[in-house]
N, C-alpha and C. Protein backbone atom coordinates (compact mmCIF):
# COMPACT_ATOMS: atom_id res chain seq x y z
N MET A 1 21.70 19.14 -82.23
CA MET A 1 20.86 18.45 -83.19
C MET A 1 21.64 18.10 -84.46
N LEU A 2 22.57 18.95 -84.84
CA LEU A 2 23.35 18.66 -86.03
C LEU A 2 24.20 17.41 -85.86
N GLY A 3 24.70 17.18 -84.65
CA GLY A 3 25.49 15.99 -84.38
C GLY A 3 24.68 14.72 -84.57
N GLN A 4 23.44 14.76 -84.11
CA GLN A 4 22.56 13.60 -84.26
C GLN A 4 22.23 13.37 -85.73
N GLU A 5 21.99 14.43 -86.47
CA GLU A 5 21.70 14.32 -87.90
C GLU A 5 22.90 13.75 -88.64
N ALA A 6 24.09 14.24 -88.31
CA ALA A 6 25.31 13.74 -88.94
C ALA A 6 25.52 12.26 -88.59
N GLY A 7 25.26 11.91 -87.33
CA GLY A 7 25.39 10.52 -86.91
C GLY A 7 24.43 9.60 -87.66
N ASN A 8 23.20 10.06 -87.85
CA ASN A 8 22.22 9.26 -88.59
C ASN A 8 22.64 9.07 -90.05
N LYS A 9 23.18 10.12 -90.65
CA LYS A 9 23.66 10.01 -92.03
C LYS A 9 24.84 9.05 -92.12
N LEU A 10 25.74 9.12 -91.15
CA LEU A 10 26.89 8.23 -91.13
C LEU A 10 26.46 6.78 -90.98
N ILE A 11 25.52 6.53 -90.08
CA ILE A 11 25.01 5.17 -89.90
C ILE A 11 24.34 4.68 -91.18
N GLY A 12 23.58 5.54 -91.84
CA GLY A 12 22.97 5.18 -93.11
C GLY A 12 24.02 4.82 -94.15
N TYR A 13 25.09 5.58 -94.20
CA TYR A 13 26.19 5.30 -95.14
C TYR A 13 26.83 3.95 -94.81
N TRP A 14 27.10 3.71 -93.53
CA TRP A 14 27.70 2.43 -93.14
C TRP A 14 26.78 1.27 -93.51
N ARG A 15 25.50 1.40 -93.25
CA ARG A 15 24.56 0.32 -93.58
C ARG A 15 24.52 0.05 -95.09
N SER A 16 24.62 1.12 -95.88
CA SER A 16 24.59 0.93 -97.34
C SER A 16 25.87 0.29 -97.85
N HIS A 17 26.88 0.20 -97.01
CA HIS A 17 28.14 -0.43 -97.39
C HIS A 17 28.39 -1.71 -96.59
N ASP A 18 27.29 -2.39 -96.24
CA ASP A 18 27.31 -3.70 -95.59
C ASP A 18 27.98 -3.73 -94.23
N ILE A 19 27.94 -2.63 -93.51
CA ILE A 19 28.37 -2.63 -92.12
C ILE A 19 27.10 -2.65 -91.30
N LYS A 20 26.77 -3.82 -90.77
CA LYS A 20 25.47 -4.00 -90.15
C LYS A 20 25.54 -4.50 -88.71
N GLU A 21 26.62 -5.14 -88.34
CA GLU A 21 26.71 -5.71 -87.00
C GLU A 21 26.99 -4.61 -85.97
N ALA A 22 26.42 -4.77 -84.79
CA ALA A 22 26.59 -3.77 -83.73
C ALA A 22 28.06 -3.55 -83.39
N TYR A 23 28.84 -4.64 -83.36
CA TYR A 23 30.25 -4.48 -83.00
C TYR A 23 31.01 -3.70 -84.07
N GLU A 24 30.59 -3.79 -85.34
CA GLU A 24 31.23 -3.00 -86.39
C GLU A 24 30.94 -1.52 -86.20
N PHE A 25 29.70 -1.19 -85.85
CA PHE A 25 29.34 0.20 -85.54
C PHE A 25 30.16 0.70 -84.35
N ALA A 26 30.30 -0.15 -83.34
CA ALA A 26 31.04 0.24 -82.14
C ALA A 26 32.51 0.53 -82.45
N ILE A 27 33.12 -0.29 -83.27
CA ILE A 27 34.52 -0.10 -83.65
C ILE A 27 34.68 1.22 -84.39
N LEU A 28 33.84 1.46 -85.39
CA LEU A 28 33.94 2.69 -86.17
C LEU A 28 33.65 3.92 -85.31
N THR A 29 32.64 3.83 -84.46
CA THR A 29 32.30 4.95 -83.59
C THR A 29 33.46 5.26 -82.63
N ASN A 30 34.07 4.22 -82.09
CA ASN A 30 35.19 4.41 -81.18
C ASN A 30 36.37 5.07 -81.89
N LEU A 31 36.64 4.66 -83.12
CA LEU A 31 37.74 5.27 -83.88
C LEU A 31 37.49 6.76 -84.11
N ILE A 32 36.28 7.10 -84.48
CA ILE A 32 35.93 8.51 -84.70
C ILE A 32 36.05 9.28 -83.39
N HIS A 33 35.54 8.71 -82.31
CA HIS A 33 35.59 9.37 -81.00
C HIS A 33 37.04 9.57 -80.56
N GLN A 34 37.87 8.57 -80.79
CA GLN A 34 39.26 8.66 -80.37
C GLN A 34 40.01 9.74 -81.16
N GLU A 35 39.72 9.85 -82.44
CA GLU A 35 40.34 10.91 -83.24
C GLU A 35 39.88 12.29 -82.78
N TRP A 36 38.63 12.39 -82.38
CA TRP A 36 38.04 13.66 -81.97
C TRP A 36 38.56 14.10 -80.59
N THR A 37 38.60 13.16 -79.62
CA THR A 37 38.92 13.51 -78.24
C THR A 37 40.34 13.14 -77.82
N GLY A 38 40.96 12.22 -78.53
CA GLY A 38 42.29 11.76 -78.14
C GLY A 38 42.26 10.59 -77.18
N ILE A 39 41.06 10.17 -76.75
CA ILE A 39 40.92 9.01 -75.88
C ILE A 39 39.76 8.15 -76.37
N SER A 40 39.78 6.88 -75.99
CA SER A 40 38.72 5.97 -76.44
C SER A 40 37.39 6.35 -75.80
N PHE A 41 36.33 5.85 -76.40
CA PHE A 41 34.98 6.09 -75.88
C PHE A 41 34.87 5.56 -74.45
N LYS A 42 35.41 4.35 -74.24
CA LYS A 42 35.34 3.73 -72.91
C LYS A 42 36.09 4.58 -71.87
N ASP A 43 37.30 5.04 -72.23
CA ASP A 43 38.07 5.87 -71.31
C ASP A 43 37.36 7.20 -71.04
N HIS A 44 36.76 7.78 -72.05
CA HIS A 44 36.03 9.03 -71.89
C HIS A 44 34.82 8.82 -70.98
N LYS A 45 34.13 7.72 -71.19
CA LYS A 45 32.97 7.39 -70.35
C LYS A 45 33.40 7.23 -68.89
N ASN A 46 34.52 6.55 -68.67
CA ASN A 46 35.03 6.37 -67.30
C ASN A 46 35.48 7.70 -66.71
N LEU A 47 36.13 8.53 -67.50
CA LEU A 47 36.57 9.84 -67.04
C LEU A 47 35.39 10.69 -66.58
N LYS A 48 34.29 10.62 -67.32
CA LYS A 48 33.08 11.39 -66.98
C LYS A 48 32.20 10.69 -65.96
N GLU A 49 32.60 9.46 -65.59
CA GLU A 49 31.85 8.63 -64.64
C GLU A 49 30.42 8.37 -65.11
N LEU A 50 30.27 8.12 -66.42
CA LEU A 50 28.96 7.78 -66.97
C LEU A 50 28.69 6.31 -66.72
N LYS A 51 27.45 5.99 -66.41
CA LYS A 51 27.08 4.61 -66.06
C LYS A 51 26.39 3.88 -67.20
N THR A 52 25.80 4.60 -68.14
CA THR A 52 25.05 3.94 -69.21
C THR A 52 25.52 4.44 -70.56
N ASN A 53 25.23 3.67 -71.61
CA ASN A 53 25.50 4.09 -72.97
C ASN A 53 24.37 5.00 -73.43
N PHE A 54 24.72 6.05 -74.13
CA PHE A 54 23.70 6.98 -74.59
C PHE A 54 23.56 6.96 -76.10
N TYR A 55 24.37 6.18 -76.79
CA TYR A 55 24.28 6.13 -78.26
C TYR A 55 23.75 4.77 -78.65
N CYS A 56 22.72 4.76 -79.43
CA CYS A 56 22.04 3.51 -79.79
C CYS A 56 22.02 3.35 -81.30
N PHE A 57 22.34 2.17 -81.77
CA PHE A 57 22.32 1.87 -83.20
C PHE A 57 21.08 1.05 -83.53
N SER A 58 19.96 1.69 -83.60
CA SER A 58 18.74 0.94 -83.90
C SER A 58 18.17 1.39 -85.23
């Protein structure tokens, strides 16, 4: 639950700094994910054989 709360706060911060387009969120999220795991979000998804996206920017 803390991860979701942190994610919501981060998205709120990005929105308050004029980052509003979905692709901008995707780029920033991928950078954070890559720093955390050492691989891109797409590569991690393929490694885990995930078929759908589970993170939504709404």
